């Protein structure tokens, strides 16, 4: 690692290192809160005598709000700054988490679980904050550390929350475990507001000229941007369908149709907002120095679709895959065998960011997406005749490329357009959830082998799309409030 790209995580005297630690722990807590129900479902199911369909409904509701929330949070963080938005998200989510812990009916559980999807947008905030504090030669590995260590929150929750629940004992132990999680998140939200800063001392925090949509710099990109919003609405429509009688039967067909109409109205409103944000400056013409290509954003969206989207989907089905593929293993053993996929985040995501910093943005992204394509092709061949340790090795090798690919995606996001980083990160993050919904919906119709082949095929398509990614070089131009232009190094 070159001296320019090296990061000493123990150098707390360095303000940017201190800020990185403060920020990744905020993200870590959002993942603990977001997935806090998963390891406690056995207690919750028993306490409320839930059916299998109701448990599945809670799992679906947990990710439903995250798609629009990441878009909205991206807009808010660019406008108001990461410090106040991250603090607010942690404090609000703490109350929702405590509300879930105090629920006394399935309907209340469902409502609070749906609302907790909001906390899944926390990832977007730190992407902008870390991008503000670290130079281009270090931003990849810094974002990888932020993402990888933060994602570990779900695994940390799985390891600790059942123990806390059992320590309190009785039928309400799970409530105490969840309540403590909420309290910690709220207190850290206050701490974050006191300690965090949006930028290093003396730096400018660039904001969009208008809020409500991503600024683009040509009419071609305007229409491309609108088109790229459609899959997010389709994913939400699919989620509504899965909660209807066709899926887990949480609500009626009439409610599903009403939700579809609402999504259509919301899409029309978003198109209007995008037009309002962009019409004036596109009619006047955008100076060449301020232009960026929206295809960069689209390629990053699709890359996160196949990386994080496949990770969420595979983590959801992997224990069952091992249980049904190999004879004689217990559910506990299946869970342990599958856990290696998520644990790779600690190493893989920072490594992907480091590769991007050292070997080039496009080359690294293509190499890692190519690797996960091969990885899923290998997993599609796993059957009961395989030696179990070999199947686990294949799973972890595939997961390395998946999560390193995530790190490579967000090594590029802060280098596209600084003042729009929150919105670009929000859109890419939302596409990760769209990918999860897409792949899990496909899984409900096909066998495991075909499921892995579909992921591999979609990743191969994205691999070729990544060939058209323009390598960030030189400087990006940002206009200050006084009209002067500042050039920011992105090489």
Protein backbone atom coordinates (compact mmCIF):
# COMPACT_ATOMS: atom_id res chain seq x y z
CA UNK A 1 0.00 0.00 0.00
CA UNK A 2 1.45 3.38 -0.99
CA UNK A 3 2.04 6.01 1.73
CA UNK A 4 -0.65 8.21 0.17
CA UNK A 5 -3.33 5.53 0.49
CA UNK A 6 -2.28 4.08 3.85
CA UNK A 7 -4.68 4.57 6.78
CA UNK A 8 -3.53 4.13 10.39
CA UNK A 9 -6.72 3.29 12.27
CA UNK A 10 -4.98 3.67 15.65
CA UNK A 11 -3.92 7.26 15.00
CA UNK A 12 -6.70 8.92 16.99
CA UNK A 13 -4.80 12.21 16.92
CA UNK A 14 -5.74 12.41 13.21
CA UNK A 15 -9.18 14.10 13.05
CA UNK A 16 -10.26 12.12 9.97
CA UNK A 17 -9.45 8.78 11.67
CA UNK A 18 -11.44 9.83 14.72
CA UNK A 19 -14.35 10.81 12.46
CA UNK A 20 -14.16 7.46 10.63
CA UNK A 21 -14.50 5.56 13.91
CA UNK A 22 -17.37 7.76 15.11
CA UNK A 23 -19.16 7.24 11.79
CA UNK A 24 -18.71 3.49 11.29
CA UNK A 25 -20.02 2.86 14.80
CA UNK A 26 -23.14 4.90 14.00
CA UNK A 27 -23.69 2.67 10.95
CA UNK A 28 -22.94 -0.41 13.07
CA UNK A 29 -25.74 0.57 15.47
CA UNK A 30 -28.22 1.16 12.63
CA UNK A 31 -27.63 -2.43 11.46
CA UNK A 32 -27.98 -3.77 15.01
CA UNK A 33 -31.34 -1.98 15.30
CA UNK A 34 -32.46 -2.83 11.75
CA UNK A 35 -31.89 -6.58 12.10
CA UNK A 36 -32.45 -6.84 15.86
CA UNK A 37 -35.63 -8.88 15.39
CA UNK A 38 -33.99 -11.65 13.32
CA UNK A 39 -32.16 -13.53 16.13
CA UNK A 40 -35.15 -13.00 18.46
CA UNK A 41 -37.86 -14.26 16.11
CA UNK A 42 -38.05 -17.60 17.94
CA UNK A 43 -38.98 -15.73 21.15
CA UNK A 44 -41.36 -13.33 19.37
CA UNK A 45 -43.08 -16.15 17.48
CA UNK A 46 -43.71 -18.00 20.73
CA UNK A 47 -44.87 -14.89 22.63
CA UNK A 48 -47.48 -13.97 20.01
CA UNK A 49 -48.16 -17.45 18.67
CA UNK A 50 -47.33 -16.22 15.16
CA UNK A 51 -47.89 -18.30 12.05
CA UNK A 52 -45.13 -18.92 9.52
CA UNK A 53 -46.85 -16.48 7.15
CA UNK A 54 -46.83 -13.75 9.82
CA UNK A 55 -43.12 -14.29 10.49
CA UNK A 56 -42.42 -13.96 6.75
CA UNK A 57 -44.51 -10.78 6.70
CA UNK A 58 -42.31 -9.24 9.41
CA UNK A 59 -39.19 -10.11 7.41
CA UNK A 60 -40.59 -8.50 4.24
CA UNK A 61 -41.83 -5.41 6.09
CA UNK A 62 -38.35 -4.93 7.56
CA UNK A 63 -36.88 -4.08 4.15
CA UNK A 64 -39.89 -2.45 2.45
CA UNK A 65 -39.39 1.15 3.63
CA UNK A 66 -35.63 1.11 3.05
CA UNK A 67 -35.95 1.60 -0.72
CA UNK A 68 -37.69 5.02 -0.60
CA UNK A 69 -35.97 5.93 2.69
CA UNK A 70 -32.50 5.78 1.12
CA UNK A 71 -33.62 8.16 -1.63
CA UNK A 72 -35.18 10.60 0.84
CA UNK A 73 -32.24 10.43 3.28
CA UNK A 74 -29.85 11.04 0.37
CA UNK A 75 -31.69 14.26 -0.45
CA UNK A 76 -31.76 15.36 3.21
CA UNK A 77 -28.08 14.66 3.89
CA UNK A 78 -26.99 16.69 0.84
CA UNK A 79 -29.19 19.60 1.97
CA UNK A 80 -28.69 19.62 5.76
CA UNK A 81 -25.42 17.71 6.27
CA UNK A 82 -24.61 14.27 7.75
CA UNK A 83 -24.23 15.41 11.36
CA UNK A 84 -27.84 16.40 12.05
CA UNK A 85 -29.37 13.72 9.77
CA UNK A 86 -27.43 10.81 11.29
CA UNK A 87 -28.19 12.05 14.81
CA UNK A 88 -31.86 12.44 13.98
CA UNK A 89 -32.08 9.01 12.33
CA UNK A 90 -30.53 7.28 15.36
CA UNK A 91 -32.74 9.09 17.86
CA UNK A 92 -35.98 8.53 15.88
CA UNK A 93 -35.16 4.88 15.23
CA UNK A 94 -34.50 4.36 18.94
CA UNK A 95 -38.12 5.27 19.70
CA UNK A 96 -39.39 3.00 16.92
CA UNK A 97 -37.24 0.13 18.23
CA UNK A 98 -38.59 0.63 21.77
CA UNK A 99 -42.11 0.75 20.28
CA UNK A 100 -41.50 -2.64 18.66
CA UNK A 101 -40.25 -4.01 21.99
CA UNK A 102 -43.47 -2.82 23.69
CA UNK A 103 -45.88 -4.11 21.00
CA UNK A 104 -48.75 -6.24 22.26
CA UNK A 105 -50.29 -7.42 18.97
CA UNK A 106 -49.15 -8.65 15.57
CA UNK A 107 -50.52 -5.48 13.95
CA UNK A 108 -48.28 -3.35 16.16
CA UNK A 109 -45.30 -5.59 15.48
CA UNK A 110 -45.94 -5.22 11.74
CA UNK A 111 -46.26 -1.41 11.94
CA UNK A 112 -43.06 -0.87 13.93
CA UNK A 113 -41.13 -3.39 11.81
CA UNK A 114 -42.19 -1.52 8.67
CA UNK A 115 -41.11 1.81 10.20
CA UNK A 116 -37.74 0.35 11.23
CA UNK A 117 -36.90 -0.09 7.55
CA UNK A 118 -36.22 3.66 7.82
CA UNK A 119 -33.04 3.01 9.83
CA UNK A 120 -31.63 1.01 6.91
CA UNK A 121 -31.01 4.34 5.17
CA UNK A 122 -28.27 5.22 7.68
CA UNK A 123 -25.62 3.76 5.37
CA UNK A 124 -26.14 6.60 2.88
CA UNK A 125 -25.31 9.32 5.41
CA UNK A 126 -21.86 8.01 6.29
CA UNK A 127 -20.88 7.64 2.63
CA UNK A 128 -21.17 11.41 2.23
CA UNK A 129 -19.47 12.12 5.56
CA UNK A 130 -16.48 9.82 4.97
CA UNK A 131 -16.18 11.21 1.42
CA UNK A 132 -15.88 14.72 2.88
CA UNK A 133 -13.09 13.79 5.28
CA UNK A 134 -10.81 11.58 3.17
CA UNK A 135 -8.82 12.44 0.02
CA UNK A 136 -9.39 10.55 -3.23
CA UNK A 137 -6.37 8.29 -2.71
CA UNK A 138 -7.80 7.04 0.61
CA UNK A 139 -11.55 7.32 0.10
CA UNK A 140 -12.00 3.77 -1.22
CA UNK A 141 -10.49 1.97 1.75
CA UNK A 142 -12.08 4.45 4.19
CA UNK A 143 -15.55 3.83 2.71
CA UNK A 144 -14.82 0.09 2.77
CA UNK A 145 -13.96 0.18 6.47
CA UNK A 146 -17.10 2.22 7.14
CA UNK A 147 -19.32 -0.17 5.17
CA UNK A 148 -17.71 -3.44 6.24
CA UNK A 149 -17.50 -2.73 9.95
CA UNK A 150 -20.95 -1.18 9.95
CA UNK A 151 -22.54 -4.15 8.18
CA UNK A 152 -21.07 -6.35 10.91
CA UNK A 153 -23.74 -4.90 13.21
CA UNK A 154 -26.28 -7.50 12.05
CA UNK A 155 -23.89 -10.34 12.94
CA UNK A 156 -23.00 -8.72 16.28
CA UNK A 157 -26.70 -8.44 17.10
CA UNK A 158 -27.25 -12.08 16.21
CA UNK A 159 -24.43 -13.10 18.56
CA UNK A 160 -25.45 -10.96 21.56
CA UNK A 161 -29.19 -10.27 21.60
CA UNK A 162 -30.39 -13.86 22.30
CA UNK A 163 -27.94 -14.02 25.22
CA UNK A 164 -29.26 -10.74 26.63
CA UNK A 165 -32.83 -11.98 26.22
CA UNK A 166 -32.04 -15.20 28.08
CA UNK A 167 -30.16 -13.28 30.80
CA UNK A 168 -33.31 -11.32 31.64
CA UNK A 169 -35.30 -14.55 31.54
CA UNK A 170 -39.05 -14.95 31.41
CA UNK A 171 -41.27 -14.44 28.42
CA UNK A 172 -40.34 -10.75 28.15
CA UNK A 173 -36.56 -11.17 27.88
CA UNK A 174 -36.64 -10.37 24.17
CA UNK A 175 -38.38 -7.06 24.95
CA UNK A 176 -35.54 -6.00 27.25
CA UNK A 177 -32.94 -6.97 24.64
CA UNK A 178 -34.67 -4.87 21.97
CA UNK A 179 -35.32 -2.01 24.38
CA UNK A 180 -31.66 -1.81 25.38
CA UNK A 181 -30.71 -1.71 21.69
CA UNK A 182 -33.05 1.23 21.16
CA UNK A 183 -31.75 3.13 24.18
CA UNK A 184 -28.12 2.71 23.07
CA UNK A 185 -28.97 3.96 19.56
CA UNK A 186 -30.71 7.05 20.97
CA UNK A 187 -27.85 7.91 23.33
CA UNK A 188 -25.31 7.48 20.53
CA UNK A 189 -27.40 9.79 18.34
CA UNK A 190 -26.88 12.53 20.94
CA UNK A 191 -23.16 11.70 21.18
CA UNK A 192 -22.84 11.80 17.38
CA UNK A 193 -24.40 15.27 17.22
CA UNK A 194 -21.92 16.53 19.83
CA UNK A 195 -18.79 14.97 18.32
CA UNK A 196 -19.32 14.73 14.54
CA UNK A 197 -18.59 17.50 12.03
CA UNK A 198 -19.71 17.62 8.39
CA UNK A 199 -16.30 18.59 7.01
CA UNK A 200 -12.72 19.10 8.17
CA UNK A 201 -11.99 22.55 9.54
CA UNK A 202 -11.83 25.13 6.76
CA UNK A 203 -13.53 22.95 4.12
CA UNK A 204 -16.75 23.85 2.32
CA UNK A 205 -19.84 21.63 2.49
CA UNK A 206 -21.29 21.84 -1.00
CA UNK A 207 -25.09 21.61 -1.26
CA UNK A 208 -27.39 21.03 -4.26
CA UNK A 209 -28.89 24.15 -5.77
CA UNK A 210 -32.39 22.66 -5.38
CA UNK A 211 -33.83 19.73 -3.43
CA UNK A 212 -36.31 17.09 -4.56
CA UNK A 213 -34.29 15.20 -7.14
CA UNK A 214 -30.81 14.57 -8.48
CA UNK A 215 -29.31 17.35 -10.58
CA UNK A 216 -28.30 16.11 -14.05
CA UNK A 217 -26.37 18.01 -16.68
CA UNK A 218 -28.06 17.13 -20.00
CA UNK A 219 -31.56 16.35 -21.29
CA UNK A 220 -30.39 12.87 -22.28
CA UNK A 221 -29.37 12.23 -18.67
CA UNK A 222 -32.68 13.70 -17.48
CA UNK A 223 -34.67 11.01 -19.31
CA UNK A 224 -32.14 8.33 -18.33
CA UNK A 225 -32.53 9.32 -14.67
CA UNK A 226 -36.32 9.04 -14.83
CA UNK A 227 -36.02 5.61 -16.46
CA UNK A 228 -33.66 4.41 -13.71
CA UNK A 229 -36.28 5.28 -11.07
CA UNK A 230 -38.84 2.84 -12.51
CA UNK A 231 -37.29 -0.39 -11.08
CA UNK A 232 -37.52 1.01 -7.54
CA UNK A 233 -41.27 1.49 -7.88
CA UNK A 234 -41.64 -1.94 -9.44
CA UNK A 235 -39.80 -3.46 -6.46
CA UNK A 236 -42.19 -1.72 -4.05
CA UNK A 237 -45.14 -2.99 -6.10
CA UNK A 238 -43.74 -6.53 -5.85
CA UNK A 239 -43.39 -6.14 -2.06
CA UNK A 240 -47.04 -5.09 -1.87
CA UNK A 241 -47.97 -8.16 -3.91
CA UNK A 242 -45.96 -10.44 -1.60
CA UNK A 243 -47.89 -9.05 1.40
CA UNK A 244 -51.25 -9.64 -0.31
CA UNK A 245 -53.21 -12.95 -0.40
CA UNK A 246 -50.86 -14.04 -3.22
CA UNK A 247 -48.03 -14.04 -0.66
CA UNK A 248 -48.22 -13.89 3.13
CA UNK A 249 -51.82 -12.56 3.23
CA UNK A 250 -51.16 -9.55 5.49
CA UNK A 251 -53.79 -7.46 3.73
CA UNK A 252 -56.46 -7.77 1.03
CA UNK A 253 -56.22 -7.48 -2.76
CA UNK A 254 -58.05 -4.14 -2.51
CA UNK A 255 -55.34 -2.75 -0.22
CA UNK A 256 -52.64 -4.00 -2.60
CA UNK A 257 -54.35 -2.29 -5.56
CA UNK A 258 -54.67 0.93 -3.54
CA UNK A 259 -50.94 0.77 -2.80
CA UNK A 260 -50.20 0.30 -6.49
CA UNK A 261 -52.25 3.38 -7.34
CA UNK A 262 -50.40 5.29 -4.63
CA UNK A 263 -47.05 4.23 -6.06
CA UNK A 264 -48.12 5.38 -9.54
CA UNK A 265 -49.14 8.79 -8.15
CA UNK A 266 -45.87 9.03 -6.21
CA UNK A 267 -43.88 8.24 -9.37
CA UNK A 268 -45.67 11.02 -11.29
CA UNK A 269 -44.92 13.42 -8.42
CA UNK A 270 -41.25 12.39 -8.43
CA UNK A 271 -40.99 12.98 -12.18
CA UNK A 272 -42.43 16.47 -11.61
CA UNK A 273 -39.90 17.08 -8.80
CA UNK A 274 -37.02 15.96 -11.02
CA UNK A 275 -38.23 18.31 -13.75
CA UNK A 276 -38.56 21.20 -11.27
CA UNK A 277 -35.00 20.66 -10.03
CA UNK A 278 -33.45 20.41 -13.50
CA UNK A 279 -35.56 22.42 -15.98
CA UNK A 280 -34.07 25.87 -15.38
CA UNK A 281 -30.37 25.02 -15.52
CA UNK A 282 -30.83 22.58 -18.43
CA UNK A 283 -32.62 25.24 -20.48
CA UNK A 284 -29.84 27.71 -19.74
CA UNK A 285 -27.13 25.15 -20.48
CA UNK A 286 -24.66 23.66 -18.00
CA UNK A 287 -21.02 24.84 -18.20
CA UNK A 288 -18.68 22.04 -19.26
CA UNK A 289 -16.66 22.37 -16.06
CA UNK A 290 -19.74 21.43 -13.96
CA UNK A 291 -20.90 18.47 -16.08
CA UNK A 292 -20.88 14.81 -15.08
CA UNK A 293 -22.29 11.75 -16.84
CA UNK A 294 -25.36 10.10 -15.32
CA UNK A 295 -24.25 6.79 -16.85
CA UNK A 296 -21.69 6.71 -14.02
CA UNK A 297 -24.54 6.67 -11.49
CA UNK A 298 -26.52 4.09 -13.48
CA UNK A 299 -23.55 1.69 -13.67
CA UNK A 300 -22.96 2.03 -9.92
CA UNK A 301 -26.69 1.38 -9.29
CA UNK A 302 -26.59 -1.83 -11.33
CA UNK A 303 -23.33 -2.90 -9.70
CA UNK A 304 -24.86 -2.54 -6.25
CA UNK A 305 -27.96 -4.37 -7.50
CA UNK A 306 -25.87 -7.51 -8.15
CA UNK A 307 -23.49 -7.11 -5.17
CA UNK A 308 -25.47 -5.98 -2.13
CA UNK A 309 -28.74 -7.18 -3.66
CA UNK A 310 -27.42 -10.70 -4.04
CA UNK A 311 -25.84 -10.57 -0.56
CA UNK A 312 -29.17 -9.73 1.12
CA UNK A 313 -30.95 -12.42 -0.88
CA UNK A 314 -28.33 -15.14 -0.30
CA UNK A 315 -27.98 -14.42 3.43
CA UNK A 316 -31.76 -14.86 3.71
CA UNK A 317 -31.80 -18.30 2.04
CA UNK A 318 -28.36 -19.79 2.71
CA UNK A 319 -29.12 -21.59 6.02
CA UNK A 320 -32.11 -23.31 4.40
CA UNK A 321 -29.99 -24.11 1.33
CA UNK A 322 -27.42 -25.97 3.47
CA UNK A 323 -30.13 -27.68 5.51
CA UNK A 324 -31.95 -29.01 2.45
CA UNK A 325 -28.85 -29.81 0.37
CA UNK A 326 -26.83 -31.85 2.87
CA UNK A 327 -28.29 -34.73 4.82
CA UNK A 328 -27.70 -35.13 8.53
CA UNK A 329 -26.94 -31.53 9.50
CA UNK A 330 -29.01 -29.70 12.13
CA UNK A 331 -30.60 -26.24 11.73
CA UNK A 332 -27.96 -24.85 14.12
CA UNK A 333 -25.14 -26.32 12.01
CA UNK A 334 -26.75 -25.00 8.82
CA UNK A 335 -26.83 -21.51 10.35
CA UNK A 336 -23.17 -21.73 11.36
CA UNK A 337 -22.14 -22.93 7.89
CA UNK A 338 -24.03 -20.05 6.27
CA UNK A 339 -22.71 -17.39 8.68
CA UNK A 340 -19.36 -17.23 6.87
CA UNK A 341 -21.02 -15.32 4.04
CA UNK A 342 -21.82 -12.29 6.21
CA UNK A 343 -18.63 -12.45 8.28
CA UNK A 344 -16.51 -11.78 5.18
CA UNK A 345 -17.72 -8.15 5.30
CA UNK A 346 -15.08 -7.22 7.89
CA UNK A 347 -12.25 -8.00 5.46
CA UNK A 348 -13.77 -8.03 1.99
CA UNK A 349 -15.39 -4.62 1.81
CA UNK A 350 -12.28 -2.64 2.91
CA UNK A 351 -10.22 -4.80 0.52
CA UNK A 352 -12.50 -3.86 -2.38
CA UNK A 353 -12.06 -0.19 -1.50
CA UNK A 354 -8.28 -0.63 -1.30
CA UNK A 355 -8.20 -2.34 -4.70
CA UNK A 356 -10.14 0.58 -6.16
CA UNK A 357 -7.72 3.13 -4.67
CA UNK A 358 -4.60 1.25 -5.79
CA UNK A 359 -5.43 -0.50 -9.07
CA UNK A 360 -8.02 1.81 -10.63
CA UNK A 361 -11.77 2.29 -10.20
CA UNK A 362 -13.10 0.61 -13.36
CA UNK A 363 -10.57 -2.23 -13.46
CA UNK A 364 -11.21 -3.16 -9.83
CA UNK A 365 -15.00 -3.06 -10.21
CA UNK A 366 -14.89 -5.25 -13.32
CA UNK A 367 -12.49 -7.73 -11.72
CA UNK A 368 -14.65 -8.12 -8.59
CA UNK A 369 -17.96 -8.40 -10.47
CA UNK A 370 -16.31 -10.95 -12.77
CA UNK A 371 -15.21 -12.87 -9.68
CA UNK A 372 -18.69 -12.96 -8.16
CA UNK A 373 -20.10 -14.10 -11.52
CA UNK A 374 -17.80 -17.13 -11.40
CA UNK A 375 -18.53 -17.57 -7.69
CA UNK A 376 -22.27 -17.88 -8.24
CA UNK A 377 -21.71 -20.22 -11.18
CA UNK A 378 -19.76 -22.49 -8.82
CA UNK A 379 -22.50 -22.29 -6.15
CA UNK A 380 -25.08 -23.32 -8.76
CA UNK A 381 -23.24 -26.65 -9.03
CA UNK A 382 -23.24 -27.41 -5.28
CA UNK A 383 -25.33 -30.47 -4.41
CA UNK A 384 -25.50 -33.17 -1.77
CA UNK A 385 -22.52 -35.03 -3.25
CA UNK A 386 -20.13 -32.17 -2.40
CA UNK A 387 -17.77 -32.36 0.56
CA UNK A 388 -19.33 -29.88 3.04
CA UNK A 389 -16.07 -28.00 3.85
CA UNK A 390 -15.55 -27.50 0.10
CA UNK A 391 -19.08 -26.06 -0.23
CA UNK A 392 -18.36 -23.66 2.64
CA UNK A 393 -15.07 -22.57 1.02
CA UNK A 394 -16.90 -21.94 -2.27
CA UNK A 395 -19.52 -19.90 -0.41
CA UNK A 396 -16.95 -17.74 1.37
CA UNK A 397 -14.89 -17.24 -1.79
CA UNK A 398 -18.00 -16.05 -3.60
CA UNK A 399 -18.94 -13.77 -0.69
CA UNK A 400 -15.47 -12.17 -0.78
CA UNK A 401 -16.03 -10.98 -4.35
CA UNK A 402 -19.61 -9.90 -3.55
CA UNK A 403 -18.63 -7.71 -0.61
CA UNK A 404 -15.37 -6.48 -2.12
CA UNK A 405 -17.50 -5.42 -5.10
CA UNK A 406 -19.68 -3.41 -2.72
CA UNK A 407 -16.55 -1.70 -1.42
CA UNK A 408 -15.43 -0.89 -4.98
CA UNK A 409 -18.84 0.64 -5.82
CA UNK A 410 -18.74 3.04 -2.90
CA UNK A 411 -15.11 3.89 -3.51
CA UNK A 412 -16.40 5.60 -6.67
CA UNK A 413 -19.65 7.17 -5.40
CA UNK A 414 -18.02 10.18 -3.63
CA UNK A 415 -15.95 10.93 -6.75
CA UNK A 416 -18.83 11.49 -9.19
CA UNK A 417 -20.21 14.83 -7.92
CA UNK A 418 -19.40 15.95 -4.38
CA UNK A 419 -22.52 18.00 -3.63
CA UNK A 420 -24.76 15.15 -4.84
CA UNK A 421 -22.96 12.32 -3.03
CA UNK A 422 -25.82 11.66 -0.61
CA UNK A 423 -28.36 11.32 -3.41
CA UNK A 424 -26.06 9.17 -5.56
CA UNK A 425 -25.33 6.94 -2.56
CA UNK A 426 -29.05 6.82 -1.76
CA UNK A 427 -29.96 5.70 -5.26
CA UNK A 428 -27.23 3.07 -5.38
CA UNK A 429 -28.20 1.85 -1.92
CA UNK A 430 -31.85 1.62 -2.93
CA UNK A 431 -30.86 -0.44 -5.96
CA UNK A 432 -29.21 -2.90 -3.57
CA UNK A 433 -32.59 -3.45 -1.92
CA UNK A 434 -34.27 -3.65 -5.34
CA UNK A 435 -31.80 -6.42 -6.19
CA UNK A 436 -32.70 -8.31 -3.01
CA UNK A 437 -36.44 -8.08 -3.75
CA UNK A 438 -35.85 -9.18 -7.35
CA UNK A 439 -33.67 -12.17 -6.49
CA UNK A 440 -35.87 -13.36 -3.59
CA UNK A 441 -38.96 -13.11 -5.80
CA UNK A 442 -37.20 -15.21 -8.46
CA UNK A 443 -36.22 -17.73 -5.75
CA UNK A 444 -39.91 -18.24 -4.93
CA UNK A 445 -40.39 -19.66 -8.46
CA UNK A 446 -37.17 -21.63 -9.11
CA UNK A 447 -34.81 -24.11 -7.44
CA UNK A 448 -31.56 -23.14 -5.72
CA UNK A 449 -29.32 -23.97 -8.69
CA UNK A 450 -31.36 -21.80 -11.07
CA UNK A 451 -31.42 -19.01 -8.46
CA UNK A 452 -27.61 -18.87 -8.36
CA UNK A 453 -27.44 -19.06 -12.17
CA UNK A 454 -29.80 -16.06 -12.48
CA UNK A 455 -27.55 -14.01 -10.19
CA UNK A 456 -24.49 -15.06 -12.21
CA UNK A 457 -26.17 -14.13 -15.51
CA UNK A 458 -27.23 -10.69 -14.23
CA UNK A 459 -23.73 -10.10 -12.85
CA UNK A 460 -22.23 -10.98 -16.25
CA UNK A 461 -24.42 -8.30 -17.86
CA UNK A 462 -23.27 -5.73 -15.29
CA UNK A 463 -19.64 -6.77 -15.90
CA UNK A 464 -19.98 -5.66 -19.53
CA UNK A 465 -21.85 -2.49 -18.49
CA UNK A 466 -18.91 -1.62 -16.18
CA UNK A 467 -16.67 -1.47 -19.25
CA UNK A 468 -18.36 1.85 -20.04
CA UNK A 469 -17.59 3.38 -16.64
CA UNK A 470 -15.45 6.50 -17.03
CA UNK A 471 -12.47 6.46 -14.67
CA UNK A 472 -12.61 9.52 -12.34
CA UNK A 473 -9.53 11.57 -13.14
CA UNK A 474 -8.27 15.08 -12.55
CA UNK A 475 -10.64 17.35 -10.66
CA UNK A 476 -14.37 17.82 -10.18
CA UNK A 477 -15.65 21.38 -10.10
CA UNK A 478 -18.00 22.61 -7.36
CA UNK A 479 -19.43 26.13 -7.19
CA UNK A 480 -19.37 27.87 -3.81
CA UNK A 481 -22.24 30.05 -2.56
CA UNK A 482 -20.27 33.18 -3.51
CA UNK A 483 -20.04 31.97 -7.13
CA UNK A 484 -16.38 30.98 -7.09
CA UNK A 485 -15.35 27.54 -8.32
CA UNK A 486 -13.38 25.05 -6.24
CA UNK A 487 -11.59 22.13 -7.91
CA UNK A 488 -11.56 18.86 -5.93
CA UNK A 489 -8.95 16.21 -6.74
CA UNK A 490 -10.52 12.85 -7.69
CA UNK A 491 -7.43 11.07 -9.04
